[in-house]
PDB file of N, CA and C in Angstrom:
ATOM      1  N   UNK A   1     105.420  67.536  86.851  1.00  0.00           N
ATOM      2  CA  UNK A   1     106.787  67.902  86.528  1.00  0.00           C
ATOM      3  C   UNK A   1     107.331  67.080  85.371  1.00  0.00           C
ATOM      4  N   UNK A   2     106.980  65.814  85.301  1.00  0.00           N
ATOM      5  CA  UNK A   2     107.454  64.971  84.216  1.00  0.00           C
ATOM      6  C   UNK A   2     106.948  65.465  82.871  1.00  0.00           C
ATOM      7  N   UNK A   3     105.719  65.955  82.827  1.00  0.00           N
ATOM      8  CA  UNK A   3     105.149  66.459  81.584  1.00  0.00           C
ATOM      9  C   UNK A   3     105.955  67.658  81.071  1.00  0.00           C
ATOM     10  N   UNK A   4     106.350  68.549  81.965  1.00  0.00           N
ATOM     11  CA  UNK A   4     107.142  69.713  81.566  1.00  0.00           C
ATOM     12  C   UNK A   4     108.490  69.286  81.010  1.00  0.00           C
ATOM     13  N   UNK A   5     109.133  68.325  81.630  1.00  0.00           N
ATOM     14  CA  UNK A   5     110.417  67.839  81.137  1.00  0.00           C
ATOM     15  C   UNK A   5     110.267  67.186  79.775  1.00  0.00           C
ATOM     16  N   UNK A   6     109.183  66.452  79.584  1.00  0.00           N
ATOM     17  CA  UNK A   6     108.937  65.797  78.303  1.00  0.00           C
ATOM     18  C   UNK A   6     108.760  66.842  77.204  1.00  0.00           C
ATOM     19  N   UNK A   7     108.022  67.899  77.500  1.00  0.00           N
ATOM     20  CA  UNK A   7     107.815  68.965  76.517  1.00  0.00           C
ATOM     21  C   UNK A   7     109.137  69.634  76.178  1.00  0.00           C
ATOM     22  N   UNK A   8     109.953  69.925  77.172  1.00  0.00           N
ATOM     23  CA  UNK A   8     111.256  70.535  76.928  1.00  0.00           C
ATOM     24  C   UNK A   8     112.135  69.617  76.096  1.00  0.00           C
ATOM     25  N   UNK A   9     112.106  68.327  76.383  1.00  0.00           N
ATOM     26  CA  UNK A   9     112.900  67.351  75.645  1.00  0.00           C
ATOM     27  C   UNK A   9     112.458  67.305  74.190  1.00  0.00           C
ATOM     28  N   UNK A  10     111.157  67.257  73.955  1.00  0.00           N
ATOM     29  CA  UNK A  10     110.643  67.193  72.584  1.00  0.00           C
ATOM     30  C   UNK A  10     110.942  68.467  71.807  1.00  0.00           C
ATOM     31  N   UNK A  11     110.953  69.597  72.490  1.00  0.00           N
ATOM     32  CA  UNK A  11     111.222  70.872  71.835  1.00  0.00           C
ATOM     33  C   UNK A  11     112.618  70.911  71.220  1.00  0.00           C
ATOM     34  N   UNK A  12     113.521  70.148  71.761  1.00  0.00           N
ATOM     35  CA  UNK A  12     114.882  70.113  71.215  1.00  0.00           C
ATOM     36  C   UNK A  12     114.925  69.518  69.814  1.00  0.00           C
ATOM     37  N   UNK A  13     113.928  68.741  69.461  1.00  0.00           N
ATOM     38  CA  UNK A  13     113.942  68.049  68.187  1.00  0.00           C
ATOM     39  C   UNK A  13     113.070  68.693  67.120  1.00  0.00           C
ATOM     40  N   UNK A  14     112.461  69.828  67.419  1.00  0.00           N
ATOM     41  CA  UNK A  14     111.667  70.534  66.425  1.00  0.00           C
ATOM     42  C   UNK A  14     112.636  71.332  65.562  1.00  0.00           C
ATOM     43  N   UNK A  15     112.606  71.144  64.249  1.00  0.00           N
ATOM     44  CA  UNK A  15     113.510  71.903  63.385  1.00  0.00           C
ATOM     45  C   UNK A  15     113.306  73.404  63.560  1.00  0.00           C
ATOM     46  N   UNK A  16     114.375  74.147  63.453  1.00  0.00           N
ATOM     47  CA  UNK A  16     114.339  75.592  63.658  1.00  0.00           C
ATOM     48  C   UNK A  16     113.301  76.255  62.772  1.00  0.00           C
ATOM     49  N   UNK A  17     113.251  75.892  61.518  1.00  0.00           N
ATOM     50  CA  UNK A  17     112.344  76.573  60.602  1.00  0.00           C
ATOM     51  C   UNK A  17     110.890  76.310  60.927  1.00  0.00           C
ATOM     52  N   UNK A  18     110.569  75.241  61.614  1.00  0.00           N
ATOM     53  CA  UNK A  18     109.186  75.006  62.005  1.00  0.00           C
ATOM     54  C   UNK A  18     108.814  75.859  63.207  1.00  0.00           C
ATOM     55  N   UNK A  19     109.769  76.163  64.041  1.00  0.00           N
ATOM     56  CA  UNK A  19     109.492  76.910  65.249  1.00  0.00           C
ATOM     57  C   UNK A  19     109.315  78.402  65.043  1.00  0.00           C
ATOM     58  N   UNK A  20     109.626  78.900  63.872  1.00  0.00           N
ATOM     59  CA  UNK A  20     109.555  80.338  63.648  1.00  0.00           C
ATOM     60  C   UNK A  20     108.318  80.742  62.857  1.00  0.00           C
ATOM     61  N   UNK A  21     107.363  79.863  62.745  1.00  0.00           N
ATOM     62  CA  UNK A  21     106.162  80.156  61.979  1.00  0.00           C
ATOM     63  C   UNK A  21     105.173  81.032  62.740  1.00  0.00           C
ATOM     64  N   UNK A  22     105.422  81.289  64.019  1.00  0.00           N
ATOM     65  CA  UNK A  22     104.424  81.975  64.826  1.00  0.00           C
ATOM     66  C   UNK A  22     104.075  83.359  64.294  1.00  0.00           C
ATOM     67  N   UNK A  23     105.048  84.148  63.905  1.00  0.00           N
ATOM     68  CA  UNK A  23     104.734  85.486  63.398  1.00  0.00           C
ATOM     69  C   UNK A  23     103.884  85.393  62.135  1.00  0.00           C
ATOM     70  N   UNK A  24     104.159  84.422  61.297  1.00  0.00           N
ATOM     71  CA  UNK A  24     103.360  84.219  60.096  1.00  0.00           C
ATOM     72  C   UNK A  24     101.948  83.780  60.471  1.00  0.00           C
ATOM     73  N   UNK A  25     101.828  82.915  61.462  1.00  0.00           N
ATOM     74  CA  UNK A  25     100.496  82.487  61.918  1.00  0.00           C
ATOM     75  C   UNK A  25      99.721  83.659  62.520  1.00  0.00           C
ATOM     76  N   UNK A  26     100.399  84.527  63.249  1.00  0.00           N
ATOM     77  CA  UNK A  26      99.729  85.712  63.800  1.00  0.00           C
ATOM     78  C   UNK A  26      99.213  86.603  62.668  1.00  0.00           C
ATOM     79  N   UNK A  27     100.015  86.747  61.634  1.00  0.00           N
ATOM     80  CA  UNK A  27      99.604  87.548  60.481  1.00  0.00           C
ATOM     81  C   UNK A  27      98.376  86.934  59.819  1.00  0.00           C
ATOM     82  N   UNK A  28      98.389  85.625  59.641  1.00  0.00           N
ATOM     83  CA  UNK A  28      97.260  84.934  59.020  1.00  0.00           C
ATOM     84  C   UNK A  28      96.009  85.071  59.878  1.00  0.00           C
ATOM     85  N   UNK A  29      96.168  85.106  61.194  1.00  0.00           N
ATOM     86  CA  UNK A  29      95.020  85.279  62.088  1.00  0.00           C
ATOM     87  C   UNK A  29      94.332  86.626  61.849  1.00  0.00           C
ATOM     88  N   UNK A  30      95.093  87.613  61.373  1.00  0.00           N
ATOM     89  CA  UNK A  30      94.540  88.934  61.087  1.00  0.00           C
ATOM     90  C   UNK A  30      93.912  88.998  59.702  1.00  0.00           C
ATOM     91  N   UNK A  31      94.210  88.055  58.862  1.00  0.00           N
ATOM     92  CA  UNK A  31      93.707  88.024  57.492  1.00  0.00           C
ATOM     93  C   UNK A  31      93.220  86.596  57.212  1.00  0.00           C
ATOM     94  N   UNK A  32      93.517  86.067  56.050  1.00  0.00           N
ATOM     95  CA  UNK A  32      93.183  84.672  55.740  1.00  0.00           C
ATOM     96  C   UNK A  32      94.325  84.058  54.944  1.00  0.00           C
ATOM     97  N   UNK A  33      94.367  82.748  54.939  1.00  0.00           N
ATOM     98  CA  UNK A  33      95.387  82.071  54.121  1.00  0.00           C
ATOM     99  C   UNK A  33      95.150  82.393  52.650  1.00  0.00           C
ATOM    100  N   UNK A  34      93.881  82.480  52.247  1.00  0.00           N
ATOM    101  CA  UNK A  34      93.578  82.783  50.851  1.00  0.00           C
ATOM    102  C   UNK A  34      94.101  84.160  50.456  1.00  0.00           C
ATOM    103  N   UNK A  35      93.887  85.161  51.309  1.00  0.00           N
ATOM    104  CA  UNK A  35      94.395  86.503  51.016  1.00  0.00           C
ATOM    105  C   UNK A  35      95.922  86.503  50.967  1.00  0.00           C
ATOM    106  N   UNK A  36      96.538  85.785  51.885  1.00  0.00           N
ATOM    107  CA  UNK A  36      97.998  85.666  51.893  1.00  0.00           C
ATOM    108  C   UNK A  36      98.476  84.995  50.606  1.00  0.00           C
ATOM    109  N   UNK A  37      97.813  83.915  50.217  1.00  0.00           N
ATOM    110  CA  UNK A  37      98.181  83.191  49.000  1.00  0.00           C
ATOM    111  C   UNK A  37      98.085  84.098  47.776  1.00  0.00           C
ATOM    112  N   UNK A  38      97.015  84.863  47.699  1.00  0.00           N
ATOM    113  CA  UNK A  38      96.841  85.778  46.559  1.00  0.00           C
ATOM    114  C   UNK A  38      97.932  86.843  46.538  1.00  0.00           C
ATOM    115  N   UNK A  39      98.277  87.371  47.704  1.00  0.00           N
ATOM    116  CA  UNK A  39      99.322  88.403  47.756  1.00  0.00           C
ATOM    117  C   UNK A  39     100.685  87.850  47.369  1.00  0.00           C
ATOM    118  N   UNK A  40     100.868  86.545  47.566  1.00  0.00           N
ATOM    119  CA  UNK A  40     102.131  85.890  47.225  1.00  0.00           C
ATOM    120  C   UNK A  40     102.106  85.279  45.814  1.00  0.00           C
ATOM    121  N   UNK A  41     100.924  85.258  45.196  1.00  0.00           N
ATOM    122  CA  UNK A  41     100.727  84.621  43.888  1.00  0.00           C
ATOM    123  C   UNK A  41     101.096  83.135  43.944  1.00  0.00           C
ATOM    124  N   UNK A  42     100.626  82.477  45.013  1.00  0.00           N
ATOM    125  CA  UNK A  42     100.834  81.039  45.179  1.00  0.00           C
ATOM    126  C   UNK A  42      99.483  80.389  45.466  1.00  0.00           C
ATOM    127  N   UNK A  43      99.415  79.083  45.377  1.00  0.00           N
ATOM    128  CA  UNK A  43      98.162  78.389  45.628  1.00  0.00           C
ATOM    129  C   UNK A  43      97.816  78.411  47.120  1.00  0.00           C
ATOM    130  N   UNK A  44      96.534  78.259  47.384  1.00  0.00           N
ATOM    131  CA  UNK A  44      96.051  78.216  48.756  1.00  0.00           C
ATOM    132  C   UNK A  44      96.698  77.057  49.506  1.00  0.00           C
ATOM    133  N   UNK A  45      96.799  75.894  48.866  1.00  0.00           N
ATOM    134  CA  UNK A  45      97.367  74.729  49.550  1.00  0.00           C
ATOM    135  C   UNK A  45      98.849  74.923  49.857  1.00  0.00           C
ATOM    136  N   UNK A  46      99.592  75.538  48.947  1.00  0.00           N
ATOM    137  CA  UNK A  46     101.009  75.792  49.191  1.00  0.00           C
ATOM    138  C   UNK A  46     101.171  76.808  50.331  1.00  0.00           C
ATOM    139  N   UNK A  47     100.335  77.848  50.333  1.00  0.00           N
ATOM    140  CA  UNK A  47     100.379  78.843  51.402  1.00  0.00           C
ATOM    141  C   UNK A  47     100.087  78.187  52.742  1.00  0.00           C
ATOM    142  N   UNK A  48      99.115  77.294  52.763  1.00  0.00           N
ATOM    143  CA  UNK A  48      98.770  76.585  53.992  1.00  0.00           C
ATOM    144  C   UNK A  48      99.941  75.754  54.493  1.00  0.00           C
ATOM    145  N   UNK A  49     100.642  75.089  53.591  1.00  0.00           N
ATOM    146  CA  UNK A  49     101.799  74.284  53.995  1.00  0.00           C
ATOM    147  C   UNK A  49     102.918  75.171  54.546  1.00  0.00           C
ATOM    148  N   UNK A  50     103.108  76.345  53.961  1.00  0.00           N
ATOM    149  CA  UNK A  50     104.120  77.272  54.476  1.00  0.00           C
ATOM    150  C   UNK A  50     103.760  77.745  55.880  1.00  0.00           C
ATOM    151  N   UNK A  51     102.515  78.165  56.043  1.00  0.00           N
ATOM    152  CA  UNK A  51     102.058  78.711  57.325  1.00  0.00           C
ATOM    153  C   UNK A  51     102.115  77.661  58.423  1.00  0.00           C
ATOM    154  N   UNK A  52     101.775  76.431  58.099  1.00  0.00           N
ATOM    155  CA  UNK A  52     101.721  75.367  59.101  1.00  0.00           C
ATOM    156  C   UNK A  52     103.030  74.613  59.274  1.00  0.00           C
ATOM    157  N   UNK A  53     104.095  75.077  58.620  1.00  0.00           N
ATOM    158  CA  UNK A  53     105.409  74.487  58.813  1.00  0.00           C
ATOM    159  C   UNK A  53     105.616  73.155  58.109  1.00  0.00           C
ATOM    160  N   UNK A  54     104.756  72.846  57.158  1.00  0.00           N
ATOM    161  CA  UNK A  54     104.908  71.580  56.433  1.00  0.00           C
ATOM    162  C   UNK A  54     105.807  71.725  55.206  1.00  0.00           C
ATOM    163  N   UNK A  55     106.130  72.967  54.862  1.00  0.00           N
ATOM    164  CA  UNK A  55     107.098  73.257  53.815  1.00  0.00           C
ATOM    165  C   UNK A  55     108.120  74.221  54.384  1.00  0.00           C
ATOM    166  N   UNK A  56     109.365  73.945  54.127  1.00  0.00           N
ATOM    167  CA  UNK A  56     110.423  74.843  54.591  1.00  0.00           C
ATOM    168  C   UNK A  56     110.389  76.118  53.752  1.00  0.00           C
ATOM    169  N   UNK A  57     110.528  77.238  54.420  1.00  0.00           N
ATOM    170  CA  UNK A  57     110.539  78.523  53.730  1.00  0.00           C
ATOM    171  C   UNK A  57     111.967  78.833  53.311  1.00  0.00           C
ATOM    172  N   UNK A  58     112.170  78.985  52.014  1.00  0.00           N
ATOM    173  CA  UNK A  58     113.505  79.289  51.499  1.00  0.00           C
ATOM    174  C   UNK A  58     113.857  80.736  51.833  1.00  0.00           C
ATOM    175  N   UNK A  59     115.123  81.071  51.696  1.00  0.00           N
ATOM    176  CA  UNK A  59     115.563  82.438  51.929  1.00  0.00           C
ATOM    177  C   UNK A  59     114.885  83.408  50.979  1.00  0.00           C
ATOM    178  N   UNK A  60     114.761  83.001  49.720  1.00  0.00           N
ATOM    179  CA  UNK A  60     114.104  83.841  48.719  1.00  0.00           C
ATOM    180  C   UNK A  60     112.623  84.030  49.062  1.00  0.00           C
ATOM    181  N   UNK A  61     111.959  82.950  49.472  1.00  0.00           N
ATOM    182  CA  UNK A  61     110.542  83.025  49.836  1.00  0.00           C
ATOM    183  C   UNK A  61     110.357  83.901  51.075  1.00  0.00           C
ATOM    184  N   UNK A  62     111.315  83.880  51.995  1.00  0.00           N
ATOM    185  CA  UNK A  62     111.240  84.728  53.194  1.00  0.00           C
ATOM    186  C   UNK A  62     111.206  86.201  52.805  1.00  0.00           C
ATOM    187  N   UNK A  63     112.001  86.571  51.825  1.00  0.00           N
ATOM    188  CA  UNK A  63     112.010  87.955  51.333  1.00  0.00           C
ATOM    189  C   UNK A  63     110.666  88.290  50.686  1.00  0.00           C
ATOM    190  N   UNK A  64     110.125  87.354  49.904  1.00  0.00           N
ATOM    191  CA  UNK A  64     108.820  87.557  49.266  1.00  0.00           C
ATOM    192  C   UNK A  64     107.716  87.718  50.318  1.00  0.00           C
ATOM    193  N   UNK A  65     107.786  86.935  51.384  1.00  0.00           N
ATOM    194  CA  UNK A  65     106.797  87.043  52.464  1.00  0.00           C
ATOM    195  C   UNK A  65     106.884  88.411  53.118  1.00  0.00           C
ATOM    196  N   UNK A  66     108.093  88.875  53.359  1.00  0.00           N
ATOM    197  CA  UNK A  66     108.276  90.193  53.957  1.00  0.00           C
ATOM    198  C   UNK A  66     107.640  91.275  53.088  1.00  0.00           C
ATOM    199  N   UNK A  67     107.850  91.195  51.769  1.00  0.00           N
ATOM    200  CA  UNK A  67     107.271  92.185  50.846  1.00  0.00           C
ATOM    201  C   UNK A  67     105.757  92.063  50.793  1.00  0.00           C
ATOM    202  N   UNK A  68     105.247  90.834  50.706  1.00  0.00           N
ATOM    203  CA  UNK A  68     103.799  90.612  50.582  1.00  0.00           C
ATOM    204  C   UNK A  68     103.031  91.045  51.823  1.00  0.00           C
ATOM    205  N   UNK A  69     103.665  90.973  52.987  1.00  0.00           N
ATOM    206  CA  UNK A  69     102.995  91.356  54.237  1.00  0.00           C
ATOM    207  C   UNK A  69     103.289  92.796  54.622  1.00  0.00           C
ATOM    208  N   UNK A  70     103.948  93.515  53.771  1.00  0.00           N
ATOM    209  CA  UNK A  70     104.280  94.909  54.064  1.00  0.00           C
ATOM    210  C   UNK A  70     105.203  95.048  55.256  1.00  0.00           C
ATOM    211  N   UNK A  71     106.027  94.031  55.487  1.00  0.00           N
ATOM    212  CA  UNK A  71     106.982  94.058  56.590  1.00  0.00           C
ATOM    213  C   UNK A  71     106.413  93.598  57.924  1.00  0.00           C
ATOM    214  N   UNK A  72     105.126  93.257  57.965  1.00  0.00           N
ATOM    215  CA  UNK A  72     104.538  92.773  59.223  1.00  0.00           C
ATOM    216  C   UNK A  72     105.164  91.447  59.647  1.00  0.00           C
ATOM    217  N   UNK A  73     105.547  90.653  58.671  1.00  0.00           N
ATOM    218  CA  UNK A  73     106.301  89.418  58.924  1.00  0.00           C
ATOM    219  C   UNK A  73     107.642  89.606  58.235  1.00  0.00           C
ATOM    220  N   UNK A  74     108.688  89.719  59.011  1.00  0.00           N
ATOM    221  CA  UNK A  74     110.006  89.986  58.425  1.00  0.00           C
ATOM    222  C   UNK A  74     110.699  88.690  58.008  1.00  0.00           C
ATOM    223  N   UNK A  75     111.684  88.839  57.169  1.00  0.00           N
ATOM    224  CA  UNK A  75     112.490  87.676  56.761  1.00  0.00           C
ATOM    225  C   UNK A  75     113.172  87.059  57.977  1.00  0.00           C
ATOM    226  N   UNK A  76     113.519  87.888  58.967  1.00  0.00           N
ATOM    227  CA  UNK A  76     114.115  87.380  60.200  1.00  0.00           C
ATOM    228  C   UNK A  76     113.138  86.522  60.988  1.00  0.00           C
ATOM    229  N   UNK A  77     111.839  86.884  60.918  1.00  0.00           N
ATOM    230  CA  UNK A  77     110.814  86.110  61.624  1.00  0.00           C
ATOM    231  C   UNK A  77     110.736  84.678  61.109  1.00  0.00           C
ATOM    232  N   UNK A  78     110.804  84.521  59.803  1.00  0.00           N
ATOM    233  CA  UNK A  78     110.604  83.186  59.238  1.00  0.00           C
ATOM    234  C   UNK A  78     111.903  82.424  58.974  1.00  0.00           C
ATOM    235  N   UNK A  79     113.027  83.119  58.876  1.00  0.00           N
ATOM    236  CA  UNK A  79     114.317  82.444  58.680  1.00  0.00           C
ATOM    237  C   UNK A  79     115.420  83.126  59.470  1.00  0.00           C
ATOM    238  N   UNK A  80     115.344  83.086  60.811  1.00  0.00           N
ATOM    239  CA  UNK A  80     116.374  83.737  61.624  1.00  0.00           C
ATOM    240  C   UNK A  80     117.751  83.111  61.427  1.00  0.00           C
ATOM    241  N   UNK A  81     117.784  81.871  60.971  1.00  0.00           N
ATOM    242  CA  UNK A  81     119.073  81.227  60.718  1.00  0.00           C
ATOM    243  C   UNK A  81     119.802  81.862  59.547  1.00  0.00           C
ATOM    244  N   UNK A  82     119.072  82.507  58.646  1.00  0.00           N
ATOM    245  CA  UNK A  82     119.691  83.163  57.491  1.00  0.00           C
ATOM    246  C   UNK A  82     119.806  84.679  57.648  1.00  0.00           C
ATOM    247  N   UNK A  83     118.828  85.284  58.318  1.00  0.00           N
ATOM    248  CA  UNK A  83     118.743  86.738  58.316  1.00  0.00           C
ATOM    249  C   UNK A  83     118.797  87.375  59.704  1.00  0.00           C
ATOM    250  N   UNK A  84     119.246  86.660  60.693  1.00  0.00           N
ATOM    251  CA  UNK A  84     119.282  87.209  62.046  1.00  0.00           C
ATOM    252  C   UNK A  84     120.180  88.433  62.100  1.00  0.00           C
ATOM    253  N   UNK A  85     119.678  89.473  62.756  1.00  0.00           N
ATOM    254  CA  UNK A  85     120.466  90.705  62.895  1.00  0.00           C
ATOM    255  C   UNK A  85     121.257  90.710  64.190  1.00  0.00           C
ATOM    256  N   UNK A  86     121.017  89.733  65.058  1.00  0.00           N
ATOM    257  CA  UNK A  86     121.782  89.642  66.304  1.00  0.00           C
ATOM    258  C   UNK A  86     122.844  88.548  66.158  1.00  0.00           C
ATOM    259  N   UNK A  87     123.924  88.729  66.839  1.00  0.00           N
ATOM    260  CA  UNK A  87     125.002  87.735  66.743  1.00  0.00           C
ATOM    261  C   UNK A  87     125.277  87.121  68.074  1.00  0.00           C
TER     262      UNK A  87
END
């Protein structure tokens, strides 16, 4: 039980933008980081940092990701704080 409480406590301190990378990671699991990087016209290392939450995804980059993935990863998926459709 203590382990579960510790995990819940730590989850409170994960920045929002790091927690929303899952849809992008699922997309990468279907393809590769290299293919994603090429579709975005960015370097492999920069794409890796975006996917792994080591770089914050800007609002503009969120739109580019949505276009590059054909809508499979929406701007809401990667930046719900900016583009959430629910209130």
